[in-house]
Amino acid sequence: MMDSADSPADNRRTTAPSQCPVLIVEDDDDLREMMAHMLTIEGFDAATVANGREALEYLLSSITPHVILLDLMMPVMDGWEFRRQQKAHPDLAGVPVIVLSALDQGRAANVDAAAFLKKPLDFDRLLELVREHCR
């Protein structure tokens, strides 16, 4: 565990981040696994899926995450369609989404996300945003 002096963001940790499930929806295998590893090291319960269809299946059959990290450009079901279906489902509509995309933020405006992070990712900022949803 890092010393709280290492980063100002560490001061915002929940007392038990492992009780905070996070769903990563990303088609890039390496990036998806890197994010999951980083979040796990930080004490979060990270689950991963490779596209929007898998994300909906996960959400309907598993513990609801506190936040979803969502890529937009994916095969099978992209992030825009995932968000349309998520928002149409009463039990899933309220789960906040952080968009992760190489696209310009303006192209993601209609996704109605809690936050937007441009790729390549600033992992310190990503952790800060996840911690905000796990307080």
N, C-alpha and C. Protein backbone atom coordinates (compact mmCIF):
# COMPACT_ATOMS: atom_id res chain seq x y z
N MET A 1 0.85 -1.18 0.00
CA MET A 1 0.00 0.00 0.00
C MET A 1 0.89 1.24 0.00
N MET A 2 0.50 2.24 -0.76
CA MET A 2 1.29 3.46 -0.86
C MET A 2 1.10 4.33 0.38
N ASP A 3 2.11 5.05 0.73
CA ASP A 3 2.03 6.01 1.81
C ASP A 3 1.14 7.16 1.37
N SER A 4 0.34 7.71 2.26
CA SER A 4 -0.59 8.78 1.88
C SER A 4 0.13 10.02 1.39
N ALA A 5 1.42 10.13 1.63
CA ALA A 5 2.17 11.28 1.15
C ALA A 5 2.56 11.13 -0.32
N ASP A 6 2.39 9.93 -0.87
CA ASP A 6 2.78 9.69 -2.26
C ASP A 6 1.96 10.48 -3.26
N SER A 7 0.69 10.67 -2.99
CA SER A 7 -0.18 11.35 -3.94
C SER A 7 -1.36 11.96 -3.19
N PRO A 8 -1.76 13.19 -3.57
CA PRO A 8 -2.92 13.79 -2.91
C PRO A 8 -4.17 12.95 -3.10
N ALA A 9 -4.28 12.23 -4.22
CA ALA A 9 -5.46 11.42 -4.48
C ALA A 9 -5.59 10.29 -3.46
N ASP A 10 -4.47 9.82 -2.90
CA ASP A 10 -4.53 8.74 -1.93
C ASP A 10 -5.29 9.13 -0.67
N ASN A 11 -5.36 10.41 -0.37
CA ASN A 11 -6.08 10.87 0.80
C ASN A 11 -7.59 10.70 0.66
N ARG A 12 -8.06 10.46 -0.56
CA ARG A 12 -9.50 10.30 -0.79
C ARG A 12 -9.93 8.84 -0.81
N ARG A 13 -9.07 7.92 -0.51
CA ARG A 13 -9.42 6.50 -0.54
C ARG A 13 -10.56 6.23 0.42
N THR A 14 -11.40 5.29 0.03
CA THR A 14 -12.41 4.82 0.97
C THR A 14 -11.70 3.93 1.97
N THR A 15 -12.34 3.66 3.07
CA THR A 15 -11.71 2.80 4.05
C THR A 15 -11.64 1.37 3.55
N ALA A 16 -12.53 0.98 2.65
CA ALA A 16 -12.51 -0.39 2.12
C ALA A 16 -12.83 -0.37 0.62
N PRO A 17 -11.87 0.06 -0.23
CA PRO A 17 -12.16 0.13 -1.65
C PRO A 17 -12.48 -1.23 -2.25
N SER A 18 -12.05 -2.32 -1.61
CA SER A 18 -12.34 -3.64 -2.15
C SER A 18 -13.84 -3.93 -2.17
N GLN A 19 -14.58 -3.17 -1.42
CA GLN A 19 -16.03 -3.31 -1.45
C GLN A 19 -16.64 -2.50 -2.58
N CYS A 20 -15.81 -1.89 -3.39
CA CYS A 20 -16.28 -1.04 -4.48
C CYS A 20 -16.02 -1.73 -5.82
N PRO A 21 -17.06 -2.35 -6.39
CA PRO A 21 -16.88 -3.00 -7.68
C PRO A 21 -16.83 -1.99 -8.83
N VAL A 22 -15.93 -2.25 -9.79
CA VAL A 22 -15.74 -1.40 -10.97
C VAL A 22 -15.80 -2.32 -12.18
N LEU A 23 -16.56 -1.93 -13.19
CA LEU A 23 -16.63 -2.70 -14.43
C LEU A 23 -15.86 -1.98 -15.52
N ILE A 24 -14.91 -2.66 -16.14
CA ILE A 24 -14.11 -2.12 -17.24
C ILE A 24 -14.65 -2.72 -18.54
N VAL A 25 -15.08 -1.85 -19.46
CA VAL A 25 -15.60 -2.27 -20.75
C VAL A 25 -14.65 -1.73 -21.81
N GLU A 26 -13.76 -2.59 -22.29
CA GLU A 26 -12.68 -2.17 -23.19
C GLU A 26 -12.31 -3.33 -24.09
N ASP A 27 -12.23 -3.08 -25.41
CA ASP A 27 -11.90 -4.16 -26.34
C ASP A 27 -10.41 -4.42 -26.48
N ASP A 28 -9.57 -3.48 -26.11
CA ASP A 28 -8.12 -3.67 -26.19
C ASP A 28 -7.68 -4.53 -25.00
N ASP A 29 -7.27 -5.77 -25.31
CA ASP A 29 -6.91 -6.72 -24.25
C ASP A 29 -5.86 -6.18 -23.29
N ASP A 30 -4.79 -5.61 -23.84
CA ASP A 30 -3.70 -5.13 -23.00
C ASP A 30 -4.15 -3.99 -22.09
N LEU A 31 -4.87 -3.02 -22.64
CA LEU A 31 -5.33 -1.89 -21.84
C LEU A 31 -6.33 -2.35 -20.79
N ARG A 32 -7.24 -3.24 -21.18
CA ARG A 32 -8.25 -3.75 -20.24
C ARG A 32 -7.56 -4.43 -19.06
N GLU A 33 -6.59 -5.30 -19.34
CA GLU A 33 -5.91 -6.01 -18.27
C GLU A 33 -5.03 -5.08 -17.44
N MET A 34 -4.42 -4.09 -18.07
CA MET A 34 -3.60 -3.13 -17.33
C MET A 34 -4.46 -2.34 -16.34
N MET A 35 -5.63 -1.88 -16.79
CA MET A 35 -6.53 -1.13 -15.90
C MET A 35 -7.01 -2.02 -14.76
N ALA A 36 -7.37 -3.27 -15.08
CA ALA A 36 -7.85 -4.18 -14.04
C ALA A 36 -6.76 -4.45 -13.01
N HIS A 37 -5.56 -4.65 -13.48
CA HIS A 37 -4.43 -4.90 -12.57
C HIS A 37 -4.19 -3.70 -11.67
N MET A 38 -4.18 -2.50 -12.26
CA MET A 38 -3.96 -1.28 -11.49
C MET A 38 -5.05 -1.10 -10.43
N LEU A 39 -6.31 -1.27 -10.82
CA LEU A 39 -7.41 -1.09 -9.86
C LEU A 39 -7.37 -2.15 -8.77
N THR A 40 -7.02 -3.37 -9.12
CA THR A 40 -6.91 -4.44 -8.13
C THR A 40 -5.81 -4.14 -7.12
N ILE A 41 -4.66 -3.68 -7.62
CA ILE A 41 -3.56 -3.30 -6.73
C ILE A 41 -4.00 -2.19 -5.77
N GLU A 42 -4.83 -1.29 -6.26
CA GLU A 42 -5.32 -0.19 -5.42
C GLU A 42 -6.44 -0.62 -4.48
N GLY A 43 -6.87 -1.89 -4.58
CA GLY A 43 -7.86 -2.42 -3.64
C GLY A 43 -9.28 -2.45 -4.15
N PHE A 44 -9.50 -2.14 -5.43
CA PHE A 44 -10.86 -2.18 -5.98
C PHE A 44 -11.17 -3.57 -6.51
N ASP A 45 -12.43 -3.88 -6.66
CA ASP A 45 -12.88 -5.15 -7.21
C ASP A 45 -13.18 -4.92 -8.69
N ALA A 46 -12.20 -5.15 -9.54
CA ALA A 46 -12.31 -4.86 -10.97
C ALA A 46 -12.76 -6.08 -11.75
N ALA A 47 -13.83 -5.90 -12.53
CA ALA A 47 -14.30 -6.93 -13.46
C ALA A 47 -14.11 -6.38 -14.87
N THR A 48 -13.89 -7.27 -15.84
CA THR A 48 -13.63 -6.82 -17.20
C THR A 48 -14.51 -7.55 -18.21
N VAL A 49 -14.88 -6.82 -19.26
CA VAL A 49 -15.57 -7.37 -20.42
C VAL A 49 -15.02 -6.66 -21.65
N ALA A 50 -15.23 -7.27 -22.82
CA ALA A 50 -14.60 -6.77 -24.04
C ALA A 50 -15.50 -5.93 -24.95
N ASN A 51 -16.81 -5.85 -24.63
CA ASN A 51 -17.70 -5.04 -25.47
C ASN A 51 -19.00 -4.75 -24.74
N GLY A 52 -19.83 -3.93 -25.36
CA GLY A 52 -21.07 -3.51 -24.72
C GLY A 52 -22.04 -4.64 -24.45
N ARG A 53 -22.13 -5.61 -25.35
CA ARG A 53 -23.05 -6.73 -25.13
C ARG A 53 -22.64 -7.52 -23.90
N GLU A 54 -21.33 -7.80 -23.78
CA GLU A 54 -20.84 -8.50 -22.59
C GLU A 54 -21.09 -7.67 -21.33
N ALA A 55 -20.98 -6.36 -21.45
CA ALA A 55 -21.21 -5.48 -20.30
C ALA A 55 -22.66 -5.58 -19.83
N LEU A 56 -23.61 -5.55 -20.77
CA LEU A 56 -25.02 -5.68 -20.38
C LEU A 56 -25.29 -7.03 -19.74
N GLU A 57 -24.74 -8.08 -20.31
CA GLU A 57 -24.91 -9.42 -19.73
C GLU A 57 -24.33 -9.46 -18.32
N TYR A 58 -23.17 -8.87 -18.13
CA TYR A 58 -22.54 -8.83 -16.80
C TYR A 58 -23.44 -8.07 -15.82
N LEU A 59 -23.91 -6.90 -16.23
CA LEU A 59 -24.72 -6.07 -15.35
C LEU A 59 -26.02 -6.75 -14.94
N LEU A 60 -26.58 -7.55 -15.82
CA LEU A 60 -27.84 -8.22 -15.53
C LEU A 60 -27.66 -9.49 -14.70
N SER A 61 -26.41 -9.97 -14.57
CA SER A 61 -26.20 -11.24 -13.87
C SER A 61 -25.23 -11.15 -12.69
N SER A 62 -24.70 -9.98 -12.42
CA SER A 62 -23.68 -9.85 -11.37
C SER A 62 -24.00 -8.69 -10.44
N ILE A 63 -23.13 -8.49 -9.48
CA ILE A 63 -23.26 -7.35 -8.56
C ILE A 63 -23.12 -6.07 -9.37
N THR A 64 -23.98 -5.11 -9.10
CA THR A 64 -23.93 -3.83 -9.81
C THR A 64 -22.70 -3.05 -9.38
N PRO A 65 -21.89 -2.63 -10.35
CA PRO A 65 -20.69 -1.86 -9.99
C PRO A 65 -21.05 -0.44 -9.55
N HIS A 66 -20.13 0.20 -8.84
CA HIS A 66 -20.31 1.59 -8.46
C HIS A 66 -20.01 2.52 -9.61
N VAL A 67 -19.21 2.06 -10.56
CA VAL A 67 -18.84 2.87 -11.73
C VAL A 67 -18.43 1.94 -12.87
N ILE A 68 -18.69 2.41 -14.10
CA ILE A 68 -18.31 1.68 -15.30
C ILE A 68 -17.29 2.52 -16.06
N LEU A 69 -16.18 1.89 -16.45
CA LEU A 69 -15.17 2.52 -17.31
C LEU A 69 -15.45 2.03 -18.71
N LEU A 70 -15.85 2.93 -19.62
CA LEU A 70 -16.41 2.53 -20.91
C LEU A 70 -15.65 3.10 -22.09
N ASP A 71 -15.12 2.20 -22.91
CA ASP A 71 -14.58 2.58 -24.21
C ASP A 71 -15.77 2.80 -25.13
N LEU A 72 -15.61 3.65 -26.14
CA LEU A 72 -16.71 3.90 -27.07
C LEU A 72 -16.62 3.05 -28.33
N MET A 73 -15.44 2.94 -28.89
CA MET A 73 -15.28 2.25 -30.17
C MET A 73 -14.88 0.79 -29.93
N MET A 74 -15.90 -0.10 -30.00
CA MET A 74 -15.69 -1.53 -29.76
C MET A 74 -16.50 -2.32 -30.77
N PRO A 75 -16.07 -3.55 -31.04
CA PRO A 75 -16.87 -4.43 -31.91
C PRO A 75 -18.08 -4.98 -31.14
N VAL A 76 -18.95 -5.65 -31.82
CA VAL A 76 -20.15 -6.31 -31.30
C VAL A 76 -21.18 -5.29 -30.85
N MET A 77 -20.90 -4.52 -29.80
CA MET A 77 -21.76 -3.42 -29.37
C MET A 77 -20.87 -2.30 -28.87
N ASP A 78 -20.96 -1.14 -29.53
CA ASP A 78 -20.10 -0.01 -29.14
C ASP A 78 -20.62 0.67 -27.88
N GLY A 79 -19.86 1.63 -27.40
CA GLY A 79 -20.20 2.32 -26.16
C GLY A 79 -21.47 3.14 -26.24
N TRP A 80 -21.76 3.71 -27.40
CA TRP A 80 -22.99 4.51 -27.56
C TRP A 80 -24.22 3.63 -27.42
N GLU A 81 -24.21 2.47 -28.09
CA GLU A 81 -25.36 1.56 -28.01
C GLU A 81 -25.47 0.98 -26.60
N PHE A 82 -24.36 0.66 -25.99
CA PHE A 82 -24.39 0.17 -24.62
C PHE A 82 -25.08 1.18 -23.72
N ARG A 83 -24.69 2.46 -23.83
CA ARG A 83 -25.29 3.49 -22.97
C ARG A 83 -26.79 3.65 -23.24
N ARG A 84 -27.21 3.57 -24.50
CA ARG A 84 -28.64 3.65 -24.81
C ARG A 84 -29.39 2.53 -24.10
N GLN A 85 -28.86 1.32 -24.19
CA GLN A 85 -29.53 0.19 -23.55
C GLN A 85 -29.42 0.25 -22.03
N GLN A 86 -28.29 0.68 -21.52
CA GLN A 86 -28.12 0.80 -20.07
C GLN A 86 -29.13 1.80 -19.51
N LYS A 87 -29.24 2.96 -20.14
CA LYS A 87 -30.14 4.01 -19.64
C LYS A 87 -31.60 3.62 -19.77
N ALA A 88 -31.92 2.69 -20.69
CA ALA A 88 -33.30 2.24 -20.86
C ALA A 88 -33.70 1.19 -19.82
N HIS A 89 -32.72 0.63 -19.13
CA HIS A 89 -33.00 -0.41 -18.13
C HIS A 89 -33.06 0.24 -16.75
N PRO A 90 -34.22 0.20 -16.09
CA PRO A 90 -34.39 0.90 -14.79
C PRO A 90 -33.37 0.54 -13.72
N ASP A 91 -32.98 -0.72 -13.65
CA ASP A 91 -32.03 -1.14 -12.61
C ASP A 91 -30.59 -0.75 -12.91
N LEU A 92 -30.30 -0.41 -14.16
CA LEU A 92 -28.93 -0.12 -14.57
C LEU A 92 -28.70 1.35 -14.91
N ALA A 93 -29.77 2.08 -15.13
CA ALA A 93 -29.67 3.45 -15.63
C ALA A 93 -28.85 4.37 -14.73
N GLY A 94 -28.88 4.15 -13.43
CA GLY A 94 -28.20 5.05 -12.50
C GLY A 94 -26.72 4.78 -12.29
N VAL A 95 -26.18 3.72 -12.88
CA VAL A 95 -24.77 3.42 -12.68
C VAL A 95 -23.94 4.43 -13.48
N PRO A 96 -23.08 5.20 -12.81
CA PRO A 96 -22.30 6.21 -13.53
C PRO A 96 -21.25 5.59 -14.45
N VAL A 97 -20.99 6.32 -15.54
CA VAL A 97 -20.05 5.85 -16.56
C VAL A 97 -18.96 6.89 -16.75
N ILE A 98 -17.72 6.41 -16.81
CA ILE A 98 -16.58 7.25 -17.18
C ILE A 98 -16.15 6.78 -18.56
N VAL A 99 -16.25 7.66 -19.54
CA VAL A 99 -15.88 7.32 -20.91
C VAL A 99 -14.38 7.42 -21.08
N LEU A 100 -13.81 6.41 -21.74
CA LEU A 100 -12.39 6.36 -22.07
C LEU A 100 -12.30 6.27 -23.58
N SER A 101 -11.78 7.31 -24.24
CA SER A 101 -11.80 7.28 -25.70
C SER A 101 -10.68 8.10 -26.31
N ALA A 102 -10.23 7.67 -27.48
CA ALA A 102 -9.27 8.45 -28.26
C ALA A 102 -9.98 9.53 -29.05
N LEU A 103 -11.30 9.45 -29.12
CA LEU A 103 -12.09 10.45 -29.85
C LEU A 103 -12.11 11.77 -29.10
N ASP A 104 -12.43 12.80 -29.82
CA ASP A 104 -12.64 14.12 -29.23
C ASP A 104 -13.83 14.06 -28.27
N GLN A 105 -13.76 14.78 -27.18
CA GLN A 105 -14.82 14.76 -26.17
C GLN A 105 -16.16 15.16 -26.76
N GLY A 106 -16.17 16.04 -27.76
CA GLY A 106 -17.42 16.45 -28.39
C GLY A 106 -18.17 15.29 -29.03
N ARG A 107 -17.45 14.31 -29.54
CA ARG A 107 -18.08 13.14 -30.16
C ARG A 107 -18.69 12.22 -29.11
N ALA A 108 -18.31 12.41 -27.86
CA ALA A 108 -18.85 11.59 -26.78
C ALA A 108 -19.91 12.33 -25.97
N ALA A 109 -20.27 13.54 -26.39
CA ALA A 109 -21.19 14.37 -25.61
C ALA A 109 -22.55 13.70 -25.42
N ASN A 110 -23.03 12.97 -26.41
CA ASN A 110 -24.36 12.36 -26.31
C ASN A 110 -24.38 11.07 -25.50
N VAL A 111 -23.25 10.69 -24.91
CA VAL A 111 -23.18 9.47 -24.11
C VAL A 111 -23.69 9.72 -22.69
N ASP A 112 -23.73 10.98 -22.28
CA ASP A 112 -24.20 11.34 -20.94
C ASP A 112 -23.37 10.65 -19.87
N ALA A 113 -22.07 10.91 -19.89
CA ALA A 113 -21.14 10.28 -18.96
C ALA A 113 -20.86 11.18 -17.76
N ALA A 114 -20.48 10.55 -16.66
CA ALA A 114 -20.09 11.29 -15.46
C ALA A 114 -18.76 12.01 -15.67
N ALA A 115 -17.91 11.42 -16.53
CA ALA A 115 -16.60 12.02 -16.83
C ALA A 115 -16.10 11.45 -18.15
N PHE A 116 -15.10 12.14 -18.70
CA PHE A 116 -14.49 11.73 -19.97
C PHE A 116 -12.98 11.77 -19.80
N LEU A 117 -12.32 10.69 -20.19
CA LEU A 117 -10.86 10.65 -20.19
C LEU A 117 -10.38 10.32 -21.59
N LYS A 118 -9.46 11.14 -22.09
CA LYS A 118 -8.92 10.93 -23.43
C LYS A 118 -7.79 9.92 -23.36
N LYS A 119 -7.77 9.03 -24.35
CA LYS A 119 -6.67 8.09 -24.49
C LYS A 119 -5.56 8.79 -25.26
N PRO A 120 -4.29 8.53 -24.96
CA PRO A 120 -3.82 7.62 -23.91
C PRO A 120 -4.21 8.14 -22.53
N LEU A 121 -4.51 7.21 -21.66
CA LEU A 121 -5.08 7.54 -20.35
C LEU A 121 -4.08 8.12 -19.38
N ASP A 122 -4.57 9.06 -18.57
CA ASP A 122 -3.86 9.57 -17.41
C ASP A 122 -4.32 8.68 -16.25
N PHE A 123 -3.52 7.71 -15.87
CA PHE A 123 -3.94 6.73 -14.87
C PHE A 123 -4.15 7.34 -13.48
N ASP A 124 -3.41 8.39 -13.15
CA ASP A 124 -3.65 9.07 -11.88
C ASP A 124 -5.05 9.69 -11.86
N ARG A 125 -5.43 10.30 -12.95
CA ARG A 125 -6.77 10.91 -13.05
C ARG A 125 -7.84 9.81 -13.04
N LEU A 126 -7.58 8.71 -13.71
CA LEU A 126 -8.53 7.60 -13.72
C LEU A 126 -8.77 7.10 -12.30
N LEU A 127 -7.71 6.89 -11.54
CA LEU A 127 -7.86 6.46 -10.15
C LEU A 127 -8.63 7.49 -9.32
N GLU A 128 -8.35 8.74 -9.54
CA GLU A 128 -9.05 9.80 -8.82
C GLU A 128 -10.55 9.74 -9.10
N LEU A 129 -10.93 9.56 -10.36
CA LEU A 129 -12.34 9.49 -10.72
C LEU A 129 -13.01 8.24 -10.14
N VAL A 130 -12.33 7.12 -10.18
CA VAL A 130 -12.90 5.89 -9.62
C VAL A 130 -13.10 6.07 -8.11
N ARG A 131 -12.11 6.64 -7.44
CA ARG A 131 -12.24 6.87 -5.99
C ARG A 131 -13.42 7.77 -5.66
N GLU A 132 -13.68 8.77 -6.51
CA GLU A 132 -14.83 9.67 -6.27
C GLU A 132 -16.14 8.89 -6.26
N HIS A 133 -16.24 7.85 -7.06
CA HIS A 133 -17.48 7.06 -7.13
C HIS A 133 -17.51 5.95 -6.10
N CYS A 134 -16.43 5.78 -5.36
CA CYS A 134 -16.36 4.70 -4.36
C CYS A 134 -16.27 5.24 -2.95
N ARG A 135 -16.66 6.45 -2.75
CA ARG A 135 -16.65 7.03 -1.39
C ARG A 135 -17.76 6.47 -0.56
